[in-house]
Amino acid sequence: MGHSKLSVFCSAFTKDKCTILAEAHARNTGCRNIDWSLLNHFSNGFKEKYGCDPMKNEKAKLRMLDGIEKMRKTLSANSDATLNIECLMEDEDLSAYLTRE
């Protein structure tokens, strides 16, 4: 899975060669879609809790996307990860916990 594309291959390995049995590509599905889904989830929670929408502030949105990308990369090696962004908007901090499941 790349930033903007998902590729899946099924192959068979024998002693001397590798044979591709099937392949599939999704050109519009990638990690950026996961990042945007998590951004919407966490921004809605932040909006409900503090009453301000980080999606309307470009700096807050970019800080959240950066933190979410780091959290997603941490989840590739660990079973859980935390998202901590200090002073996201109006001196309020964003803290979240996410597991692989």
Protein backbone atom coordinates (compact mmCIF):
# COMPACT_ATOMS: atom_id res chain seq x y z
CA MET A 1 0.00 0.00 0.00
CA GLY A 2 1.48 3.26 -1.08
CA HIS A 3 0.43 6.85 -0.50
CA SER A 4 -2.20 6.87 -3.23
CA LYS A 5 -2.37 3.35 -4.68
CA LEU A 6 -2.97 -0.20 -3.48
CA SER A 7 -1.40 -3.12 -5.36
CA VAL A 8 -1.98 -6.79 -4.57
CA PHE A 9 -0.21 -9.74 -6.17
CA CYS A 10 -0.67 -13.50 -5.71
CA SER A 11 2.34 -15.51 -6.73
CA ALA A 12 3.63 -19.05 -6.64
CA PHE A 13 7.24 -19.76 -5.79
CA THR A 14 8.93 -22.91 -7.03
CA LYS A 15 12.52 -23.99 -6.82
CA ASP A 16 13.67 -22.07 -9.88
CA LYS A 17 11.04 -19.45 -10.65
CA CYS A 18 8.26 -17.20 -9.45
CA THR A 19 4.93 -17.13 -11.25
CA ILE A 20 2.42 -14.30 -10.87
CA LEU A 21 -1.02 -15.89 -10.57
CA ALA A 22 -3.12 -12.74 -10.18
CA GLU A 23 -2.76 -9.01 -9.65
CA ALA A 24 -5.09 -6.18 -8.76
CA HIS A 25 -4.68 -2.43 -8.40
CA ALA A 26 -6.82 0.23 -6.78
CA ARG A 27 -5.57 3.54 -8.09
CA ASN A 28 -7.61 5.69 -5.71
CA THR A 29 -7.09 3.78 -2.48
CA GLY A 30 -4.00 4.29 -0.36
CA CYS A 31 -2.69 5.52 2.94
CA ARG A 32 -3.85 9.06 2.24
CA ASN A 33 -7.44 7.76 2.41
CA ILE A 34 -6.75 6.21 5.80
CA ASP A 35 -5.16 9.49 6.97
CA TRP A 36 -8.21 11.53 5.85
CA SER A 37 -10.62 9.11 7.53
CA LEU A 38 -8.69 9.37 10.79
CA LEU A 39 -8.51 13.16 10.40
CA ASN A 40 -12.29 13.37 10.10
CA HIS A 41 -12.76 11.03 13.07
CA PHE A 42 -10.40 12.91 15.40
CA SER A 43 -11.53 16.37 14.27
CA ASN A 44 -15.18 15.48 14.94
CA GLY A 45 -14.25 14.30 18.44
CA PHE A 46 -12.24 17.48 19.05
CA LYS A 47 -15.14 19.61 17.78
CA GLU A 48 -17.63 17.86 20.09
CA LYS A 49 -15.34 18.15 23.11
CA TYR A 50 -14.10 21.74 22.71
CA GLY A 51 -16.55 23.37 20.30
CA CYS A 52 -13.99 24.45 17.70
CA ASP A 53 -13.47 22.80 14.31
CA PRO A 54 -9.84 22.06 13.36
CA MET A 55 -10.92 21.37 9.77
CA LYS A 56 -11.54 25.09 9.24
CA ASN A 57 -8.01 26.04 10.32
CA GLU A 58 -5.36 25.02 7.77
CA LYS A 59 -2.49 25.04 10.28
CA ALA A 60 -4.41 22.83 12.71
CA LYS A 61 -5.45 20.48 9.90
CA LEU A 62 -1.85 20.10 8.68
CA ARG A 63 -0.59 19.49 12.23
CA MET A 64 -3.23 16.80 12.67
CA LEU A 65 -2.34 15.14 9.35
CA ASP A 66 1.33 15.12 10.32
CA GLY A 67 0.55 13.54 13.70
CA ILE A 68 -1.81 11.00 12.15
CA GLU A 69 0.81 9.95 9.60
CA LYS A 70 3.34 9.40 12.40
CA MET A 71 0.75 7.45 14.39
CA ARG A 72 -0.09 5.25 11.38
CA LYS A 73 3.59 4.48 10.82
CA THR A 74 3.94 3.58 14.50
CA LEU A 75 0.99 1.20 14.14
CA SER A 76 2.80 -0.71 11.39
CA ALA A 77 5.37 -1.84 13.98
CA ASN A 78 3.35 -1.74 17.23
CA SER A 79 -0.13 -2.85 18.25
CA ASP A 80 -1.15 0.58 19.57
CA ALA A 81 -0.19 4.23 19.20
CA THR A 82 -1.04 7.60 20.68
CA LEU A 83 -1.63 10.96 19.05
CA ASN A 84 -0.61 13.98 21.10
CA ILE A 85 -0.72 17.49 19.67
CA GLU A 86 -0.21 20.36 22.08
CA CYS A 87 -2.13 23.61 21.58
CA LEU A 88 -3.94 22.45 18.47
CA MET A 89 -6.54 25.22 18.61
CA GLU A 90 -7.44 27.83 21.22
CA ASP A 91 -4.89 26.43 23.69
CA GLU A 92 -6.57 23.01 23.69
CA ASP A 93 -4.55 19.81 23.28
CA LEU A 94 -5.51 16.80 21.21
CA SER A 95 -4.82 13.38 22.72
CA ALA A 96 -6.01 10.14 21.20
CA TYR A 97 -5.26 6.45 21.44
CA LEU A 98 -5.59 3.99 18.58
CA THR A 99 -5.04 0.25 18.28
CA ARG A 100 -4.47 -1.80 15.17
CA GLU A 101 -7.89 -3.43 15.42
